[in-house]
């Protein structure tokens, strides 16, 4: 580390890179600690959350598919009933 006459400090690129890496690591650890994910169970907690989100997305997609199937079935049944009435298949 060299101090220049204008008060600026100069670092070699390797030293600056090491300093930045250390700072980033400390910051990441502090962020995890602030969120309560600094213990050994954090990896499992995040995996569980991802699994829960995946299950929620699957349930939502299945609900939409079921809704579309029900609407389609009702529409087709109504069309068949109307065609049967029109063709007088129901005792008319």
Protein backbone atom coordinates (compact mmCIF):
# COMPACT_ATOMS: atom_id res chain seq x y z
CA UNK A 1 0.00 0.00 0.00
CA UNK A 2 1.45 3.33 -1.08
CA UNK A 3 0.25 6.76 -0.02
CA UNK A 4 0.56 9.43 -2.69
CA UNK A 5 1.27 13.11 -2.00
CA UNK A 6 -2.36 14.05 -2.71
CA UNK A 7 -3.57 11.77 0.12
CA UNK A 8 -4.76 8.97 -2.16
CA UNK A 9 -3.81 5.40 -1.34
CA UNK A 10 -2.64 3.04 -4.05
CA UNK A 11 -3.04 -0.74 -3.84
CA UNK A 12 -1.65 -3.37 -6.16
CA UNK A 13 -4.45 -5.06 -8.17
CA UNK A 14 -3.98 -8.40 -6.40
CA UNK A 15 -4.28 -6.77 -2.97
CA UNK A 16 -7.37 -4.82 -4.05
CA UNK A 17 -8.95 -8.03 -5.37
CA UNK A 18 -8.23 -9.83 -2.09
CA UNK A 19 -9.70 -6.95 -0.11
CA UNK A 20 -12.86 -6.91 -2.25
CA UNK A 21 -13.29 -10.68 -1.96
CA UNK A 22 -12.94 -10.52 1.82
CA UNK A 23 -15.43 -7.66 2.05
CA UNK A 24 -17.94 -9.46 -0.18
CA UNK A 25 -17.66 -12.63 1.91
CA UNK A 26 -18.20 -10.72 5.16
CA UNK A 27 -21.15 -8.88 3.67
CA UNK A 28 -22.76 -12.11 2.47
CA UNK A 29 -22.29 -13.73 5.88
CA UNK A 30 -23.81 -10.70 7.60
CA UNK A 31 -26.78 -10.71 5.21
CA UNK A 32 -27.42 -14.40 5.93
CA UNK A 33 -27.12 -13.72 9.66
CA UNK A 34 -29.60 -10.82 9.41
CA UNK A 35 -32.11 -13.15 7.72
CA UNK A 36 -31.57 -15.92 10.27
CA UNK A 37 -29.93 -18.23 7.75
CA UNK A 38 -26.50 -18.35 9.33
CA UNK A 39 -26.85 -21.77 10.97
CA UNK A 40 -26.13 -25.19 9.50
CA UNK A 41 -29.78 -25.75 8.60
CA UNK A 42 -29.95 -22.85 6.14
CA UNK A 43 -29.26 -25.03 3.10
CA UNK A 44 -32.04 -27.44 4.08
CA UNK A 45 -34.43 -24.55 4.84
CA UNK A 46 -33.88 -23.03 1.40
CA UNK A 47 -34.27 -26.45 -0.24
CA UNK A 48 -37.57 -26.93 1.61
CA UNK A 49 -38.79 -23.48 0.56
CA UNK A 50 -37.97 -24.23 -3.08
CA UNK A 51 -39.79 -27.55 -2.84
CA UNK A 52 -42.82 -25.82 -1.32
CA UNK A 53 -42.85 -23.23 -4.10
CA UNK A 54 -42.60 -25.95 -6.73
CA UNK A 55 -45.55 -27.79 -5.15
CA UNK A 56 -47.58 -24.56 -5.06
CA UNK A 57 -46.90 -23.90 -8.74
CA UNK A 58 -47.88 -27.48 -9.61
CA UNK A 59 -51.11 -27.18 -7.60
CA UNK A 60 -51.97 -23.89 -9.29
CA UNK A 61 -51.33 -25.33 -12.76
CA UNK A 62 -53.40 -28.43 -11.95
CA UNK A 63 -56.27 -26.28 -10.66
CA UNK A 64 -56.32 -24.29 -13.91
CA UNK A 65 -56.22 -27.46 -16.00
CA UNK A 66 -59.08 -28.95 -13.99
CA UNK A 67 -61.13 -25.77 -14.37
CA UNK A 68 -60.64 -25.77 -18.13
CA UNK A 69 -61.57 -29.46 -18.33
CA UNK A 70 -64.76 -28.90 -16.32
CA UNK A 71 -65.81 -25.93 -18.46
CA UNK A 72 -65.08 -27.89 -21.64
CA UNK A 73 -67.05 -30.91 -20.41
CA UNK A 74 -70.06 -28.79 -19.41
CA UNK A 75 -69.99 -26.98 -22.75
CA UNK A 76 -69.85 -30.23 -24.72
CA UNK A 77 -72.63 -31.79 -22.61
CA UNK A 78 -74.81 -28.72 -23.18
CA UNK A 79 -74.16 -28.86 -26.92
CA UNK A 80 -75.05 -32.55 -27.02
CA UNK A 81 -78.24 -31.92 -25.03
CA UNK A 82 -79.21 -29.08 -27.37
CA UNK A 83 -78.52 -31.26 -30.40
CA UNK A 84 -80.64 -34.05 -28.87
CA UNK A 85 -83.52 -31.64 -28.23
CA UNK A 86 -83.22 -30.23 -31.74
CA UNK A 87 -83.28 -33.71 -33.26
CA UNK A 88 -86.16 -34.68 -30.95
CA UNK A 89 -84.28 -37.59 -29.40
CA UNK A 90 -85.81 -37.00 -25.96
CA UNK A 91 -89.40 -38.17 -26.47
CA UNK A 92 -90.58 -35.09 -28.33
